[in-house]
C-alpha atoms as a PDB file:
ATOM      1  CA  MET A   1      96.949  41.748   5.172  1.00  0.00           C
ATOM      2  CA  SER A   2      94.639  44.038   7.092  1.00  0.00           C
ATOM      3  CA  ASN A   3      94.544  46.883   4.555  1.00  0.00           C
ATOM      4  CA  GLY A   4      93.586  44.531   1.706  1.00  0.00           C
ATOM      5  CA  GLU A   5      96.791  45.087  -0.263  1.00  0.00           C
ATOM      6  CA  VAL A   6      97.846  42.199  -2.487  1.00  0.00           C
ATOM      7  CA  THR A   7     100.823  40.230  -1.213  1.00  0.00           C
ATOM      8  CA  VAL A   8     103.388  38.323  -3.239  1.00  0.00           C
ATOM      9  CA  PRO A   9     105.345  35.270  -2.057  1.00  0.00           C
ATOM     10  CA  VAL A  10     109.101  35.802  -1.946  1.00  0.00           C
ATOM     11  CA  VAL A  11     111.559  32.940  -1.570  1.00  0.00           C
ATOM     12  CA  CYS A  12     115.259  32.782  -0.832  1.00  0.00           C
ATOM     13  CA  PRO A  13     116.758  29.361  -1.507  1.00  0.00           C
ATOM     14  CA  ALA A  14     120.075  30.415   0.048  1.00  0.00           C
ATOM     15  CA  CYS A  15     118.419  31.248   3.379  1.00  0.00           C
ATOM     16  CA  GLU A  16     115.703  28.615   2.973  1.00  0.00           C
ATOM     17  CA  THR A  17     113.075  31.260   3.758  1.00  0.00           C
ATOM     18  CA  GLU A  18     109.687  32.211   2.373  1.00  0.00           C
ATOM     19  CA  THR A  19     107.599  35.277   3.164  1.00  0.00           C
ATOM     20  CA  GLU A  20     104.603  37.236   1.891  1.00  0.00           C
ATOM     21  CA  VAL A  21     105.341  40.856   0.982  1.00  0.00           C
ATOM     22  CA  PRO A  22     102.874  43.620   0.087  1.00  0.00           C
ATOM     23  CA  ILE A  23     103.208  44.312  -3.624  1.00  0.00           C
ATOM     24  CA  SER A  24     104.011  47.975  -2.940  1.00  0.00           C
ATOM     25  CA  GLU A  25     107.082  46.882  -0.928  1.00  0.00           C
ATOM     26  CA  LEU A  26     108.181  44.002  -3.168  1.00  0.00           C
ATOM     27  CA  GLU A  27     111.137  45.541  -4.990  1.00  0.00           C
ATOM     28  CA  ALA A  28     112.538  47.310  -1.920  1.00  0.00           C
ATOM     29  CA  THR A  29     112.187  44.194   0.241  1.00  0.00           C
ATOM     30  CA  ILE A  30     113.963  41.929  -2.247  1.00  0.00           C
ATOM     31  CA  ASP A  31     116.716  44.502  -2.827  1.00  0.00           C
ATOM     32  CA  ARG A  32     117.211  45.013   0.918  1.00  0.00           C
ATOM     33  CA  HIS A  33     117.356  41.266   1.595  1.00  0.00           C
ATOM     34  CA  ASN A  34     119.830  40.595  -1.195  1.00  0.00           C
ATOM     35  CA  THR A  35     121.996  43.561  -0.202  1.00  0.00           C
ATOM     36  CA  THR A  36     122.133  42.799   3.508  1.00  0.00           C
ATOM     37  CA  ARG A  37     122.220  39.000   3.376  1.00  0.00           C
ATOM     38  CA  HIS A  38     123.958  38.171   0.103  1.00  0.00           C
ATOM     39  CA  ASP A  39     126.243  41.135  -0.716  1.00  0.00           C
ATOM     40  CA  GLY A  40     123.875  42.192  -3.498  1.00  0.00           C
ATOM     41  CA  ALA A  41     123.672  38.807  -5.236  1.00  0.00           C
ATOM     42  CA  ALA A  42     120.173  38.120  -6.551  1.00  0.00           C
ATOM     43  CA  MET A  43     119.213  35.245  -4.278  1.00  0.00           C
ATOM     44  CA  ALA A  44     115.748  36.230  -3.018  1.00  0.00           C
ATOM     45  CA  THR A  45     113.096  36.497  -5.701  1.00  0.00           C
ATOM     46  CA  VAL A  46     109.383  36.258  -6.356  1.00  0.00           C
ATOM     47  CA  ASP A  47     108.247  32.649  -6.007  1.00  0.00           C
ATOM     48  CA  PRO A  48     109.054  30.976  -9.365  1.00  0.00           C
ATOM     49  CA  ALA A  49     105.574  29.431  -9.540  1.00  0.00           C
ATOM     50  CA  ILE A  50     104.058  32.926  -9.430  1.00  0.00           C
ATOM     51  CA  LYS A  51     106.448  34.148 -12.134  1.00  0.00           C
ATOM     52  CA  GLU A  52     105.445  31.230 -14.358  1.00  0.00           C
ATOM     53  CA  HIS A  53     101.747  31.851 -13.777  1.00  0.00           C
ATOM     54  CA  ILE A  54     102.088  35.551 -14.641  1.00  0.00           C
ATOM     55  CA  THR A  55     104.067  34.685 -17.775  1.00  0.00           C
ATOM     56  CA  ASP A  56     101.314  32.280 -18.854  1.00  0.00           C
ATOM     57  CA  LEU A  57      98.624  34.916 -18.258  1.00  0.00           C
ATOM     58  CA  VAL A  58     100.509  37.512 -20.296  1.00  0.00           C
ATOM     59  CA  ALA A  59     101.139  35.047 -23.143  1.00  0.00           C
ATOM     60  CA  GLU A  60      97.463  34.106 -23.160  1.00  0.00           C
ATOM     61  CA  ASP A  61      96.408  37.759 -23.108  1.00  0.00           C
ATOM     62  CA  LEU A  62      98.687  38.507 -26.075  1.00  0.00           C
ATOM     63  CA  ASP A  63      97.444  35.427 -27.957  1.00  0.00           C
ATOM     64  CA  LEU A  64     100.942  33.967 -28.028  1.00  0.00           C
ATOM     65  CA  LEU A  65      99.758  30.476 -27.114  1.00  0.00           C
ATOM     66  CA  GLU A  66      97.739  29.907 -30.286  1.00  0.00           C
END
């Protein structure tokens, strides 16, 4: 991204799509996609691999892995 903002991968298994979204637009983009494409059902989400990685980092930071 040209302004240097961090992007997050978003996937929608129902649409078989993937995209990179600026973190500042993440929630609105996912909500808009799910509302317009899936009648509000939570289909699009942050890439599960990213969610898992963040969970691991938080657990490590909180010393929950020891």
